[in-house]
PDB file of N, CA and C in Angstrom:
ATOM      1  N   UNK A   1     304.390 117.458 169.794  1.00  0.00           N
ATOM      2  CA  UNK A   1     303.547 116.363 169.355  1.00  0.00           C
ATOM      3  C   UNK A   1     302.712 116.805 168.160  1.00  0.00           C
ATOM      4  N   UNK A   2     301.740 117.693 168.373  1.00  0.00           N
ATOM      5  CA  UNK A   2     300.943 118.228 167.269  1.00  0.00           C
ATOM      6  C   UNK A   2     301.305 119.705 167.088  1.00  0.00           C
ATOM      7  N   UNK A   3     301.143 120.184 165.881  1.00  0.00           N
ATOM      8  CA  UNK A   3     301.474 121.569 165.571  1.00  0.00           C
ATOM      9  C   UNK A   3     300.253 122.467 165.717  1.00  0.00           C
ATOM     10  N   UNK A   4     299.110 121.974 165.303  1.00  0.00           N
ATOM     11  CA  UNK A   4     297.887 122.775 165.292  1.00  0.00           C
ATOM     12  C   UNK A   4     296.846 122.203 166.247  1.00  0.00           C
ATOM     13  N   UNK A   5     296.262 123.090 167.024  1.00  0.00           N
ATOM     14  CA  UNK A   5     295.203 122.717 167.958  1.00  0.00           C
ATOM     15  C   UNK A   5     293.958 123.517 167.620  1.00  0.00           C
ATOM     16  N   UNK A   6     292.847 122.817 167.402  1.00  0.00           N
ATOM     17  CA  UNK A   6     291.560 123.450 167.159  1.00  0.00           C
ATOM     18  C   UNK A   6     290.717 123.170 168.393  1.00  0.00           C
ATOM     19  N   UNK A   7     290.242 124.224 169.031  1.00  0.00           N
ATOM     20  CA  UNK A   7     289.501 124.084 170.282  1.00  0.00           C
ATOM     21  C   UNK A   7     288.021 124.318 170.072  1.00  0.00           C
ATOM     22  N   UNK A   8     287.210 123.353 170.458  1.00  0.00           N
ATOM     23  CA  UNK A   8     285.771 123.525 170.512  1.00  0.00           C
ATOM     24  C   UNK A   8     285.473 124.275 171.804  1.00  0.00           C
ATOM     25  N   UNK A   9     284.435 125.081 171.838  1.00  0.00           N
ATOM     26  CA  UNK A   9     284.072 125.823 173.052  1.00  0.00           C
ATOM     27  C   UNK A   9     283.841 124.882 174.238  1.00  0.00           C
ATOM     28  N   UNK A  10     283.392 123.666 173.968  1.00  0.00           N
ATOM     29  CA  UNK A  10     283.132 122.703 175.040  1.00  0.00           C
ATOM     30  C   UNK A  10     284.415 122.275 175.763  1.00  0.00           C
ATOM     31  N   UNK A  11     285.573 122.484 175.157  1.00  0.00           N
ATOM     32  CA  UNK A  11     286.843 122.125 175.798  1.00  0.00           C
ATOM     33  C   UNK A  11     287.100 122.972 177.042  1.00  0.00           C
ATOM     34  N   UNK A  12     286.453 124.116 177.121  1.00  0.00           N
ATOM     35  CA  UNK A  12     286.680 125.036 178.242  1.00  0.00           C
ATOM     36  C   UNK A  12     285.535 125.021 179.258  1.00  0.00           C
ATOM     37  N   UNK A  13     284.597 124.115 179.088  1.00  0.00           N
ATOM     38  CA  UNK A  13     283.408 124.011 179.936  1.00  0.00           C
ATOM     39  C   UNK A  13     283.754 123.830 181.414  1.00  0.00           C
ATOM     40  N   UNK A  14     284.856 123.121 181.707  1.00  0.00           N
ATOM     41  CA  UNK A  14     285.242 122.843 183.092  1.00  0.00           C
ATOM     42  C   UNK A  14     286.306 123.806 183.614  1.00  0.00           C
ATOM     43  N   UNK A  15     286.515 124.909 182.904  1.00  0.00           N
ATOM     44  CA  UNK A  15     287.420 125.951 183.377  1.00  0.00           C
ATOM     45  C   UNK A  15     288.901 125.677 183.155  1.00  0.00           C
ATOM     46  N   UNK A  16     289.239 124.777 182.260  1.00  0.00           N
ATOM     47  CA  UNK A  16     290.636 124.479 181.960  1.00  0.00           C
ATOM     48  C   UNK A  16     291.126 125.462 180.897  1.00  0.00           C
ATOM     49  N   UNK A  17     292.291 126.061 181.130  1.00  0.00           N
ATOM     50  CA  UNK A  17     292.841 127.054 180.208  1.00  0.00           C
ATOM     51  C   UNK A  17     293.526 126.387 179.016  1.00  0.00           C
ATOM     52  N   UNK A  18     293.555 127.099 177.901  1.00  0.00           N
ATOM     53  CA  UNK A  18     294.202 126.594 176.688  1.00  0.00           C
ATOM     54  C   UNK A  18     295.669 126.238 176.954  1.00  0.00           C
ATOM     55  N   UNK A  19     296.373 127.055 177.706  1.00  0.00           N
ATOM     56  CA  UNK A  19     297.777 126.789 178.025  1.00  0.00           C
ATOM     57  C   UNK A  19     297.939 125.461 178.753  1.00  0.00           C
ATOM     58  N   UNK A  20     297.033 125.165 179.674  1.00  0.00           N
ATOM     59  CA  UNK A  20     297.098 123.900 180.410  1.00  0.00           C
ATOM     60  C   UNK A  20     296.839 122.702 179.497  1.00  0.00           C
ATOM     61  N   UNK A  21     295.925 122.853 178.560  1.00  0.00           N
ATOM     62  CA  UNK A  21     295.634 121.776 177.610  1.00  0.00           C
ATOM     63  C   UNK A  21     296.850 121.512 176.729  1.00  0.00           C
ATOM     64  N   UNK A  22     297.443 122.573 176.208  1.00  0.00           N
ATOM     65  CA  UNK A  22     298.634 122.416 175.364  1.00  0.00           C
ATOM     66  C   UNK A  22     299.778 121.770 176.148  1.00  0.00           C
ATOM     67  N   UNK A  23     299.938 122.150 177.403  1.00  0.00           N
ATOM     68  CA  UNK A  23     300.995 121.578 178.248  1.00  0.00           C
ATOM     69  C   UNK A  23     300.764 120.089 178.480  1.00  0.00           C
ATOM     70  N   UNK A  24     299.511 119.688 178.680  1.00  0.00           N
ATOM     71  CA  UNK A  24     299.199 118.271 178.884  1.00  0.00           C
ATOM     72  C   UNK A  24     299.608 117.435 177.674  1.00  0.00           C
ATOM     73  N   UNK A  25     299.464 117.996 176.470  1.00  0.00           N
ATOM     74  CA  UNK A  25     299.892 117.270 175.273  1.00  0.00           C
ATOM     75  C   UNK A  25     301.409 117.114 175.224  1.00  0.00           C
ATOM     76  N   UNK A  26     302.125 118.040 175.817  1.00  0.00           N
ATOM     77  CA  UNK A  26     303.592 117.958 175.855  1.00  0.00           C
ATOM     78  C   UNK A  26     304.093 117.046 176.969  1.00  0.00           C
ATOM     79  N   UNK A  27     303.247 116.799 177.987  1.00  0.00           N
ATOM     80  CA  UNK A  27     303.636 115.989 179.146  1.00  0.00           C
ATOM     81  C   UNK A  27     302.598 114.892 179.399  1.00  0.00           C
ATOM     82  N   UNK A  28     302.404 113.986 178.425  1.00  0.00           N
ATOM     83  CA  UNK A  28     301.350 112.978 178.547  1.00  0.00           C
ATOM     84  C   UNK A  28     301.713 111.825 179.479  1.00  0.00           C
ATOM     85  N   UNK A  29     300.699 111.293 180.142  1.00  0.00           N
ATOM     86  CA  UNK A  29     300.812 110.050 180.897  1.00  0.00           C
ATOM     87  C   UNK A  29     300.264 108.898 180.066  1.00  0.00           C
ATOM     88  N   UNK A  30     299.168 109.167 179.371  1.00  0.00           N
ATOM     89  CA  UNK A  30     298.501 108.174 178.536  1.00  0.00           C
ATOM     90  C   UNK A  30     297.917 108.891 177.338  1.00  0.00           C
ATOM     91  N   UNK A  31     297.977 108.256 176.185  1.00  0.00           N
ATOM     92  CA  UNK A  31     297.362 108.796 174.977  1.00  0.00           C
ATOM     93  C   UNK A  31     296.948 107.610 174.124  1.00  0.00           C
ATOM     94  N   UNK A  32     295.636 107.428 173.942  1.00  0.00           N
ATOM     95  CA  UNK A  32     295.191 106.280 173.175  1.00  0.00           C
ATOM     96  C   UNK A  32     293.791 106.419 172.615  1.00  0.00           C
ATOM     97  N   UNK A  33     293.521 105.598 171.629  1.00  0.00           N
ATOM     98  CA  UNK A  33     292.213 105.537 170.985  1.00  0.00           C
ATOM     99  C   UNK A  33     291.209 104.909 171.945  1.00  0.00           C
ATOM    100  N   UNK A  34     290.033 105.500 172.052  1.00  0.00           N
ATOM    101  CA  UNK A  34     288.983 104.926 172.886  1.00  0.00           C
ATOM    102  C   UNK A  34     288.384 103.717 172.182  1.00  0.00           C
ATOM    103  N   UNK A  35     288.199 102.656 172.920  1.00  0.00           N
ATOM    104  CA  UNK A  35     287.658 101.419 172.369  1.00  0.00           C
ATOM    105  C   UNK A  35     286.274 101.661 171.773  1.00  0.00           C
ATOM    106  N   UNK A  36     286.077 101.141 170.581  1.00  0.00           N
ATOM    107  CA  UNK A  36     284.788 101.263 169.913  1.00  0.00           C
ATOM    108  C   UNK A  36     284.659 102.495 169.026  1.00  0.00           C
ATOM    109  N   UNK A  37     285.700 103.305 168.932  1.00  0.00           N
ATOM    110  CA  UNK A  37     285.673 104.523 168.115  1.00  0.00           C
ATOM    111  C   UNK A  37     286.807 104.497 167.102  1.00  0.00           C
ATOM    112  N   UNK A  38     286.569 105.124 165.968  1.00  0.00           N
ATOM    113  CA  UNK A  38     287.594 105.208 164.930  1.00  0.00           C
ATOM    114  C   UNK A  38     288.488 106.426 165.108  1.00  0.00           C
ATOM    115  N   UNK A  39     287.958 107.483 165.704  1.00  0.00           N
ATOM    116  CA  UNK A  39     288.718 108.728 165.779  1.00  0.00           C
ATOM    117  C   UNK A  39     288.353 109.536 167.026  1.00  0.00           C
ATOM    118  N   UNK A  40     288.349 108.887 168.164  1.00  0.00           N
ATOM    119  CA  UNK A  40     288.110 109.581 169.433  1.00  0.00           C
ATOM    120  C   UNK A  40     289.192 109.104 170.399  1.00  0.00           C
ATOM    121  N   UNK A  41     290.016 110.048 170.841  1.00  0.00           N
ATOM    122  CA  UNK A  41     291.171 109.722 171.661  1.00  0.00           C
ATOM    123  C   UNK A  41     291.056 110.326 173.054  1.00  0.00           C
ATOM    124  N   UNK A  42     291.688 109.658 174.020  1.00  0.00           N
ATOM    125  CA  UNK A  42     291.785 110.154 175.392  1.00  0.00           C
ATOM    126  C   UNK A  42     293.254 110.367 175.704  1.00  0.00           C
ATOM    127  N   UNK A  43     293.560 111.544 176.212  1.00  0.00           N
ATOM    128  CA  UNK A  43     294.909 111.857 176.668  1.00  0.00           C
ATOM    129  C   UNK A  43     294.819 112.281 178.120  1.00  0.00           C
ATOM    130  N   UNK A  44     295.684 111.737 178.959  1.00  0.00           N
ATOM    131  CA  UNK A  44     295.851 112.267 180.310  1.00  0.00           C
ATOM    132  C   UNK A  44     297.274 112.798 180.378  1.00  0.00           C
ATOM    133  N   UNK A  45     297.409 113.965 180.973  1.00  0.00           N
ATOM    134  CA  UNK A  45     298.720 114.591 181.055  1.00  0.00           C
ATOM    135  C   UNK A  45     298.729 115.696 182.090  1.00  0.00           C
ATOM    136  N   UNK A  46     299.917 116.178 182.396  1.00  0.00           N
ATOM    137  CA  UNK A  46     300.097 117.206 183.413  1.00  0.00           C
ATOM    138  C   UNK A  46     299.895 118.599 182.839  1.00  0.00           C
ATOM    139  N   UNK A  47     299.170 119.443 183.595  1.00  0.00           N
ATOM    140  CA  UNK A  47     299.016 120.838 183.203  1.00  0.00           C
ATOM    141  C   UNK A  47     300.200 121.654 183.734  1.00  0.00           C
ATOM    142  N   UNK A  48     300.136 122.960 183.639  1.00  0.00           N
ATOM    143  CA  UNK A  48     301.242 123.824 184.056  1.00  0.00           C
ATOM    144  C   UNK A  48     301.491 123.801 185.559  1.00  0.00           C
ATOM    145  N   UNK A  49     300.500 123.365 186.340  1.00  0.00           N
ATOM    146  CA  UNK A  49     300.649 123.292 187.799  1.00  0.00           C
ATOM    147  C   UNK A  49     300.941 121.878 188.288  1.00  0.00           C
ATOM    148  N   UNK A  50     301.051 120.933 187.384  1.00  0.00           N
ATOM    149  CA  UNK A  50     301.315 119.543 187.758  1.00  0.00           C
ATOM    150  C   UNK A  50     300.077 118.733 188.053  1.00  0.00           C
ATOM    151  N   UNK A  51     298.891 119.312 187.815  1.00  0.00           N
ATOM    152  CA  UNK A  51     297.643 118.562 187.963  1.00  0.00           C
ATOM    153  C   UNK A  51     297.435 117.686 186.735  1.00  0.00           C
ATOM    154  N   UNK A  52     296.785 116.546 186.925  1.00  0.00           N
ATOM    155  CA  UNK A  52     296.514 115.656 185.798  1.00  0.00           C
ATOM    156  C   UNK A  52     295.189 116.043 185.157  1.00  0.00           C
ATOM    157  N   UNK A  53     295.228 116.220 183.837  1.00  0.00           N
ATOM    158  CA  UNK A  53     294.029 116.529 183.064  1.00  0.00           C
ATOM    159  C   UNK A  53     293.661 115.333 182.213  1.00  0.00           C
ATOM    160  N   UNK A  54     292.379 115.206 181.930  1.00  0.00           N
ATOM    161  CA  UNK A  54     291.945 114.252 180.916  1.00  0.00           C
ATOM    162  C   UNK A  54     291.336 115.055 179.776  1.00  0.00           C
ATOM    163  N   UNK A  55     291.770 114.738 178.586  1.00  0.00           N
ATOM    164  CA  UNK A  55     291.410 115.497 177.394  1.00  0.00           C
ATOM    165  C   UNK A  55     290.923 114.522 176.331  1.00  0.00           C
ATOM    166  N   UNK A  56     289.836 114.882 175.683  1.00  0.00           N
ATOM    167  CA  UNK A  56     289.325 114.061 174.577  1.00  0.00           C
ATOM    168  C   UNK A  56     289.452 114.876 173.299  1.00  0.00           C
ATOM    169  N   UNK A  57     289.898 114.175 172.247  1.00  0.00           N
ATOM    170  CA  UNK A  57     290.139 114.869 170.989  1.00  0.00           C
ATOM    171  C   UNK A  57     289.956 113.932 169.801  1.00  0.00           C
ATOM    172  N   UNK A  58     289.841 114.553 168.618  1.00  0.00           N
ATOM    173  CA  UNK A  58     289.799 113.854 167.337  1.00  0.00           C
ATOM    174  C   UNK A  58     290.989 114.320 166.508  1.00  0.00           C
ATOM    175  N   UNK A  59     291.465 113.464 165.627  1.00  0.00           N
ATOM    176  CA  UNK A  59     292.506 113.851 164.678  1.00  0.00           C
ATOM    177  C   UNK A  59     291.864 114.474 163.449  1.00  0.00           C
ATOM    178  N   UNK A  60     292.382 115.603 163.047  1.00  0.00           N
ATOM    179  CA  UNK A  60     291.941 116.223 161.795  1.00  0.00           C
ATOM    180  C   UNK A  60     292.875 115.775 160.678  1.00  0.00           C
ATOM    181  N   UNK A  61     294.166 115.860 160.942  1.00  0.00           N
ATOM    182  CA  UNK A  61     295.189 115.323 160.047  1.00  0.00           C
ATOM    183  C   UNK A  61     296.406 114.997 160.908  1.00  0.00           C
ATOM    184  N   UNK A  62     297.547 114.701 160.296  1.00  0.00           N
ATOM    185  CA  UNK A  62     298.716 114.259 161.056  1.00  0.00           C
ATOM    186  C   UNK A  62     299.277 115.317 161.998  1.00  0.00           C
ATOM    187  N   UNK A  63     298.982 116.576 161.737  1.00  0.00           N
ATOM    188  CA  UNK A  63     299.529 117.651 162.553  1.00  0.00           C
ATOM    189  C   UNK A  63     298.483 118.417 163.349  1.00  0.00           C
ATOM    190  N   UNK A  64     297.217 118.082 163.178  1.00  0.00           N
ATOM    191  CA  UNK A  64     296.146 118.881 163.768  1.00  0.00           C
ATOM    192  C   UNK A  64     295.187 118.028 164.580  1.00  0.00           C
ATOM    193  N   UNK A  65     294.849 118.515 165.770  1.00  0.00           N
ATOM    194  CA  UNK A  65     293.860 117.849 166.615  1.00  0.00           C
ATOM    195  C   UNK A  65     292.712 118.802 166.914  1.00  0.00           C
ATOM    196  N   UNK A  66     291.529 118.223 167.086  1.00  0.00           N
ATOM    197  CA  UNK A  66     290.321 118.953 167.470  1.00  0.00           C
ATOM    198  C   UNK A  66     290.009 118.549 168.907  1.00  0.00           C
ATOM    199  N   UNK A  67     290.169 119.474 169.831  1.00  0.00           N
ATOM    200  CA  UNK A  67     289.961 119.189 171.249  1.00  0.00           C
ATOM    201  C   UNK A  67     288.554 119.624 171.624  1.00  0.00           C
ATOM    202  N   UNK A  68     287.770 118.671 172.152  1.00  0.00           N
ATOM    203  CA  UNK A  68     286.374 118.970 172.477  1.00  0.00           C
ATOM    204  C   UNK A  68     286.026 118.754 173.941  1.00  0.00           C
ATOM    205  N   UNK A  69     286.968 118.262 174.744  1.00  0.00           N
ATOM    206  CA  UNK A  69     286.685 118.052 176.167  1.00  0.00           C
ATOM    207  C   UNK A  69     287.981 118.108 176.960  1.00  0.00           C
ATOM    208  N   UNK A  70     287.954 118.821 178.084  1.00  0.00           N
ATOM    209  CA  UNK A  70     289.114 118.869 178.985  1.00  0.00           C
ATOM    210  C   UNK A  70     288.611 119.105 180.402  1.00  0.00           C
ATOM    211  N   UNK A  71     289.155 118.333 181.338  1.00  0.00           N
ATOM    212  CA  UNK A  71     288.790 118.505 182.743  1.00  0.00           C
ATOM    213  C   UNK A  71     289.886 117.921 183.626  1.00  0.00           C
ATOM    214  N   UNK A  72     289.860 118.272 184.894  1.00  0.00           N
ATOM    215  CA  UNK A  72     290.792 117.659 185.838  1.00  0.00           C
ATOM    216  C   UNK A  72     290.487 116.168 185.887  1.00  0.00           C
ATOM    217  N   UNK A  73     291.517 115.381 186.091  1.00  0.00           N
ATOM    218  CA  UNK A  73     291.381 113.934 186.115  1.00  0.00           C
ATOM    219  C   UNK A  73     290.412 113.500 187.213  1.00  0.00           C
ATOM    220  N   UNK A  74     289.539 112.579 186.877  1.00  0.00           N
ATOM    221  CA  UNK A  74     288.573 112.065 187.846  1.00  0.00           C
ATOM    222  C   UNK A  74     289.264 111.218 188.900  1.00  0.00           C
ATOM    223  N   UNK A  75     288.669 111.156 190.058  1.00  0.00           N
ATOM    224  CA  UNK A  75     289.232 110.421 191.187  1.00  0.00           C
ATOM    225  C   UNK A  75     289.509 108.964 190.833  1.00  0.00           C
ATOM    226  N   UNK A  76     288.635 108.326 190.081  1.00  0.00           N
ATOM    227  CA  UNK A  76     288.814 106.921 189.714  1.00  0.00           C
ATOM    228  C   UNK A  76     290.110 106.712 188.940  1.00  0.00           C
ATOM    229  N   UNK A  77     290.426 107.627 188.025  1.00  0.00           N
ATOM    230  CA  UNK A  77     291.659 107.512 187.256  1.00  0.00           C
ATOM    231  C   UNK A  77     292.878 107.773 188.129  1.00  0.00           C
ATOM    232  N   UNK A  78     292.779 108.703 189.069  1.00  0.00           N
ATOM    233  CA  UNK A  78     293.892 108.969 189.983  1.00  0.00           C
ATOM    234  C   UNK A  78     294.160 107.746 190.838  1.00  0.00           C
ATOM    235  N   UNK A  79     293.099 107.063 191.288  1.00  0.00           N
ATOM    236  CA  UNK A  79     293.268 105.877 192.130  1.00  0.00           C
ATOM    237  C   UNK A  79     293.933 104.753 191.342  1.00  0.00           C
ATOM    238  N   UNK A  80     293.561 104.571 190.080  1.00  0.00           N
ATOM    239  CA  UNK A  80     294.189 103.541 189.248  1.00  0.00           C
ATOM    240  C   UNK A  80     295.681 103.829 189.091  1.00  0.00           C
ATOM    241  N   UNK A  81     296.034 105.080 188.906  1.00  0.00           N
ATOM    242  CA  UNK A  81     297.427 105.451 188.744  1.00  0.00           C
ATOM    243  C   UNK A  81     298.222 105.161 190.015  1.00  0.00           C
ATOM    244  N   UNK A  82     297.622 105.341 191.174  1.00  0.00           N
ATOM    245  CA  UNK A  82     298.307 105.129 192.439  1.00  0.00           C
ATOM    246  C   UNK A  82     298.484 103.650 192.773  1.00  0.00           C
ATOM    247  N   UNK A  83     297.783 102.750 192.077  1.00  0.00           N
ATOM    248  CA  UNK A  83     297.897 101.307 192.336  1.00  0.00           C
ATOM    249  C   UNK A  83     299.192 100.739 191.781  1.00  0.00           C
ATOM    250  N   UNK A  84     299.795 101.402 190.834  1.00  0.00           N
ATOM    251  CA  UNK A  84     301.036 100.897 190.192  1.00  0.00           C
ATOM    252  C   UNK A  84     302.232 100.997 191.100  1.00  0.00           C
TER     253      UNK A  84
END
């Protein structure tokens, strides 16, 4: 998907490893622009263990993303996914 990943220190605040973040980008469930923002995106995807992560990022250019938040998917999002 993207070639270059720039990680802010805050991306690791919840103990998510860089490898898991990169894997989530390769195995996305959802990837979209957050309403009301010009350049703030939410991605949910599977990490290396099959857990769902939610990741927030900005685009730097067509090949580069700036990742500033990553955590295990919140219960509310897991419940929405199970309703389908």
